[in-house]
């Protein structure tokens, strides 16, 4: 996982920090696009707007989630956020 602030998190760190994060109270995805990579992988590119519990302003970013088929199931390989600055 690559966050807007440049922080890179591995699987174990992500799992350990999720319970400490405030929950999302709402979210909206738009501009979704599927980008095939090969026969068993694809990227989903989208814009997200989400609000966490206790926040006044939404978090808005462009995101990419790369998935790969593993034993017949889509598995997240990489997730990346890009801040929208304009």
N, C-alpha and C. Protein backbone atom coordinates (compact mmCIF):
# COMPACT_ATOMS: atom_id res chain seq x y z
N UNK A 1 0.85 -1.17 0.00
CA UNK A 1 0.00 0.00 0.00
C UNK A 1 0.90 1.23 0.00
N UNK A 2 0.63 2.14 -0.94
CA UNK A 2 1.37 3.38 -1.02
C UNK A 2 0.38 4.51 -0.78
N UNK A 3 0.56 5.24 0.31
CA UNK A 3 -0.39 6.27 0.71
C UNK A 3 -0.04 7.62 0.11
N UNK A 4 -0.98 8.55 0.18
CA UNK A 4 -0.81 9.91 -0.37
C UNK A 4 0.46 10.57 0.17
N UNK A 5 0.78 10.34 1.43
CA UNK A 5 1.95 11.00 2.03
C UNK A 5 3.27 10.30 1.68
N UNK A 6 3.21 9.28 0.82
CA UNK A 6 4.41 8.56 0.41
C UNK A 6 4.75 7.37 1.28
N UNK A 7 4.02 7.19 2.37
CA UNK A 7 4.27 6.06 3.26
C UNK A 7 3.98 4.75 2.53
N UNK A 8 4.86 3.77 2.70
CA UNK A 8 4.69 2.45 2.10
C UNK A 8 4.45 1.47 3.24
N UNK A 9 3.33 0.75 3.15
CA UNK A 9 2.96 -0.21 4.20
C UNK A 9 2.95 -1.62 3.63
N UNK A 10 3.53 -2.56 4.37
CA UNK A 10 3.45 -3.96 3.96
C UNK A 10 2.20 -4.61 4.55
N UNK A 11 1.93 -5.82 4.18
CA UNK A 11 0.71 -6.54 4.59
C UNK A 11 0.53 -6.58 6.11
N UNK A 12 1.59 -6.89 6.83
CA UNK A 12 1.51 -7.00 8.28
C UNK A 12 1.20 -5.66 8.94
N UNK A 13 1.83 -4.60 8.46
CA UNK A 13 1.59 -3.26 9.01
C UNK A 13 0.16 -2.82 8.74
N UNK A 14 -0.32 -3.06 7.54
CA UNK A 14 -1.70 -2.71 7.20
C UNK A 14 -2.67 -3.39 8.16
N UNK A 15 -2.51 -4.69 8.32
CA UNK A 15 -3.40 -5.46 9.19
C UNK A 15 -3.36 -4.95 10.63
N UNK A 16 -2.18 -4.58 11.11
CA UNK A 16 -2.07 -4.15 12.50
C UNK A 16 -2.61 -2.74 12.73
N UNK A 17 -2.66 -1.91 11.69
CA UNK A 17 -3.12 -0.53 11.87
C UNK A 17 -4.59 -0.33 11.58
N UNK A 18 -5.24 -1.24 10.88
CA UNK A 18 -6.64 -1.05 10.51
C UNK A 18 -7.55 -0.92 11.73
N UNK A 19 -7.30 -1.68 12.76
CA UNK A 19 -8.15 -1.61 13.95
C UNK A 19 -8.02 -0.28 14.70
N UNK A 20 -6.92 0.43 14.49
CA UNK A 20 -6.69 1.70 15.19
C UNK A 20 -7.18 2.91 14.39
N UNK A 21 -7.62 2.70 13.17
CA UNK A 21 -8.07 3.81 12.32
C UNK A 21 -9.56 4.06 12.52
N UNK A 22 -9.97 5.33 12.54
CA UNK A 22 -11.40 5.63 12.64
C UNK A 22 -12.12 5.07 11.42
N UNK A 23 -13.35 4.62 11.58
CA UNK A 23 -14.08 4.05 10.44
C UNK A 23 -14.49 5.13 9.44
N UNK A 24 -14.66 4.72 8.20
CA UNK A 24 -15.21 5.60 7.18
C UNK A 24 -16.71 5.68 7.42
N UNK A 25 -17.26 6.89 7.41
CA UNK A 25 -18.71 7.03 7.60
C UNK A 25 -19.43 7.10 6.26
N UNK A 26 -18.71 7.51 5.21
CA UNK A 26 -19.29 7.53 3.86
C UNK A 26 -18.17 7.53 2.84
N UNK A 27 -18.50 7.05 1.65
CA UNK A 27 -17.53 7.11 0.56
C UNK A 27 -18.27 7.07 -0.77
N UNK A 28 -17.61 7.59 -1.79
CA UNK A 28 -18.16 7.56 -3.14
C UNK A 28 -17.01 7.30 -4.11
N UNK A 29 -17.21 6.33 -5.00
CA UNK A 29 -16.23 6.02 -6.04
C UNK A 29 -16.78 6.50 -7.37
N UNK A 30 -15.91 7.06 -8.22
CA UNK A 30 -16.34 7.52 -9.53
C UNK A 30 -15.19 7.37 -10.52
N UNK A 31 -15.48 7.58 -11.78
CA UNK A 31 -14.49 7.52 -12.85
C UNK A 31 -13.74 6.18 -12.86
N UNK A 32 -14.44 5.11 -12.57
CA UNK A 32 -13.82 3.79 -12.52
C UNK A 32 -13.38 3.35 -13.91
N UNK A 33 -12.21 2.72 -13.96
CA UNK A 33 -11.68 2.21 -15.22
C UNK A 33 -10.90 0.93 -14.94
N UNK A 34 -11.12 -0.09 -15.75
CA UNK A 34 -10.39 -1.35 -15.62
C UNK A 34 -9.27 -1.36 -16.65
N UNK A 35 -8.05 -1.62 -16.20
CA UNK A 35 -6.88 -1.64 -17.08
C UNK A 35 -6.28 -3.04 -17.04
N UNK A 36 -6.54 -3.86 -18.07
CA UNK A 36 -5.95 -5.20 -18.08
C UNK A 36 -4.42 -5.14 -18.11
N UNK A 37 -3.78 -6.03 -17.37
CA UNK A 37 -2.31 -6.10 -17.36
C UNK A 37 -1.85 -7.33 -18.13
N UNK A 38 -2.42 -8.47 -17.80
CA UNK A 38 -2.17 -9.71 -18.54
C UNK A 38 -3.35 -10.64 -18.28
N UNK A 39 -3.19 -11.94 -18.56
CA UNK A 39 -4.32 -12.88 -18.42
C UNK A 39 -4.80 -13.06 -16.99
N UNK A 40 -3.95 -12.77 -16.00
CA UNK A 40 -4.37 -13.00 -14.61
C UNK A 40 -4.22 -11.78 -13.72
N UNK A 41 -4.11 -10.59 -14.31
CA UNK A 41 -3.96 -9.38 -13.50
C UNK A 41 -4.59 -8.19 -14.20
N UNK A 42 -5.08 -7.26 -13.37
CA UNK A 42 -5.67 -6.03 -13.88
C UNK A 42 -5.58 -4.95 -12.81
N UNK A 43 -5.63 -3.71 -13.26
CA UNK A 43 -5.66 -2.57 -12.34
C UNK A 43 -7.04 -1.92 -12.43
N UNK A 44 -7.55 -1.50 -11.29
CA UNK A 44 -8.77 -0.71 -11.24
C UNK A 44 -8.34 0.69 -10.82
N UNK A 45 -8.65 1.66 -11.67
CA UNK A 45 -8.27 3.05 -11.42
C UNK A 45 -9.56 3.82 -11.16
N UNK A 46 -9.58 4.64 -10.11
CA UNK A 46 -10.82 5.33 -9.74
C UNK A 46 -10.53 6.55 -8.89
N UNK A 47 -11.53 7.41 -8.79
CA UNK A 47 -11.50 8.59 -7.92
C UNK A 47 -12.36 8.23 -6.70
N UNK A 48 -11.87 8.59 -5.53
CA UNK A 48 -12.61 8.32 -4.30
C UNK A 48 -12.76 9.58 -3.47
N UNK A 49 -13.91 9.71 -2.87
CA UNK A 49 -14.17 10.76 -1.90
C UNK A 49 -14.75 10.06 -0.68
N UNK A 50 -14.11 10.23 0.46
CA UNK A 50 -14.54 9.51 1.66
C UNK A 50 -14.37 10.39 2.90
N UNK A 51 -15.23 10.14 3.88
CA UNK A 51 -15.18 10.88 5.14
C UNK A 51 -15.01 9.88 6.28
N UNK A 52 -14.02 10.15 7.12
CA UNK A 52 -13.82 9.33 8.33
C UNK A 52 -14.62 9.93 9.48
N UNK A 53 -14.99 9.07 10.39
CA UNK A 53 -15.69 9.51 11.60
C UNK A 53 -14.84 10.57 12.30
N UNK A 54 -15.46 11.73 12.58
CA UNK A 54 -14.77 12.81 13.27
C UNK A 54 -14.14 13.85 12.36
N UNK A 55 -14.07 13.58 11.04
CA UNK A 55 -13.48 14.54 10.11
C UNK A 55 -14.58 15.40 9.48
N UNK A 56 -14.26 16.67 9.27
CA UNK A 56 -15.20 17.58 8.63
C UNK A 56 -15.07 17.57 7.11
N UNK A 57 -13.84 17.41 6.62
CA UNK A 57 -13.57 17.46 5.18
C UNK A 57 -13.35 16.06 4.63
N UNK A 58 -13.82 15.82 3.41
CA UNK A 58 -13.58 14.50 2.81
C UNK A 58 -12.14 14.32 2.38
N UNK A 59 -11.72 13.08 2.34
CA UNK A 59 -10.44 12.68 1.76
C UNK A 59 -10.75 12.39 0.30
N UNK A 60 -10.07 13.10 -0.62
CA UNK A 60 -10.32 12.92 -2.05
C UNK A 60 -9.01 12.57 -2.72
N UNK A 61 -9.01 11.49 -3.50
CA UNK A 61 -7.77 11.05 -4.15
C UNK A 61 -8.10 10.21 -5.37
N UNK A 62 -7.11 10.09 -6.24
CA UNK A 62 -7.16 9.12 -7.32
C UNK A 62 -6.46 7.87 -6.79
N UNK A 63 -7.02 6.71 -7.08
CA UNK A 63 -6.48 5.47 -6.52
C UNK A 63 -6.33 4.42 -7.60
N UNK A 64 -5.38 3.53 -7.38
CA UNK A 64 -5.19 2.38 -8.24
C UNK A 64 -5.07 1.15 -7.36
N UNK A 65 -5.86 0.15 -7.69
CA UNK A 65 -5.79 -1.14 -7.01
C UNK A 65 -5.45 -2.19 -8.05
N UNK A 66 -4.33 -2.88 -7.87
CA UNK A 66 -3.89 -3.92 -8.80
C UNK A 66 -4.25 -5.27 -8.20
N UNK A 67 -4.94 -6.08 -9.00
CA UNK A 67 -5.37 -7.40 -8.55
C UNK A 67 -4.75 -8.48 -9.45
N UNK A 68 -4.53 -9.64 -8.84
CA UNK A 68 -4.01 -10.81 -9.55
C UNK A 68 -4.84 -12.01 -9.13
N UNK A 69 -5.15 -12.87 -10.07
CA UNK A 69 -5.88 -14.08 -9.75
C UNK A 69 -4.93 -15.09 -9.10
N UNK A 70 -5.30 -15.57 -7.92
CA UNK A 70 -4.53 -16.57 -7.19
C UNK A 70 -5.50 -17.67 -6.79
N UNK A 71 -5.28 -18.86 -7.33
CA UNK A 71 -6.15 -20.01 -7.04
C UNK A 71 -7.62 -19.67 -7.26
N UNK A 72 -7.89 -18.97 -8.36
CA UNK A 72 -9.27 -18.66 -8.74
C UNK A 72 -9.90 -17.47 -8.04
N UNK A 73 -9.14 -16.77 -7.19
CA UNK A 73 -9.68 -15.62 -6.47
C UNK A 73 -8.83 -14.38 -6.77
N UNK A 74 -9.52 -13.24 -6.94
CA UNK A 74 -8.81 -11.98 -7.14
C UNK A 74 -8.17 -11.55 -5.82
N UNK A 75 -6.88 -11.30 -5.84
CA UNK A 75 -6.15 -10.88 -4.64
C UNK A 75 -5.49 -9.54 -4.90
N UNK A 76 -5.63 -8.64 -3.94
CA UNK A 76 -5.02 -7.31 -4.05
C UNK A 76 -3.50 -7.44 -3.96
N UNK A 77 -2.81 -6.92 -4.96
CA UNK A 77 -1.35 -6.96 -5.01
C UNK A 77 -0.75 -5.63 -4.60
N UNK A 78 -1.39 -4.53 -5.05
CA UNK A 78 -0.85 -3.20 -4.77
C UNK A 78 -2.00 -2.20 -4.76
N UNK A 79 -1.96 -1.30 -3.81
CA UNK A 79 -2.94 -0.22 -3.71
C UNK A 79 -2.15 1.08 -3.58
N UNK A 80 -2.52 2.10 -4.37
CA UNK A 80 -1.76 3.35 -4.39
C UNK A 80 -2.73 4.52 -4.46
N UNK A 81 -2.41 5.58 -3.70
CA UNK A 81 -3.23 6.81 -3.66
C UNK A 81 -2.43 7.98 -4.22
N UNK A 82 -3.11 8.84 -4.96
CA UNK A 82 -2.51 10.08 -5.45
C UNK A 82 -3.43 11.23 -5.05
N UNK A 83 -2.89 12.19 -4.33
CA UNK A 83 -3.69 13.33 -3.89
C UNK A 83 -4.13 14.16 -5.09
N UNK A 84 -5.32 14.70 -5.01
CA UNK A 84 -5.81 15.61 -6.04
C UNK A 84 -5.49 17.02 -5.57
N UNK A 85 -4.66 17.72 -6.34
CA UNK A 85 -4.20 19.03 -5.92
C UNK A 85 -4.83 20.18 -6.69
N UNK A 86 -5.60 19.88 -7.72
CA UNK A 86 -6.26 20.93 -8.48
C UNK A 86 -7.55 20.43 -9.09
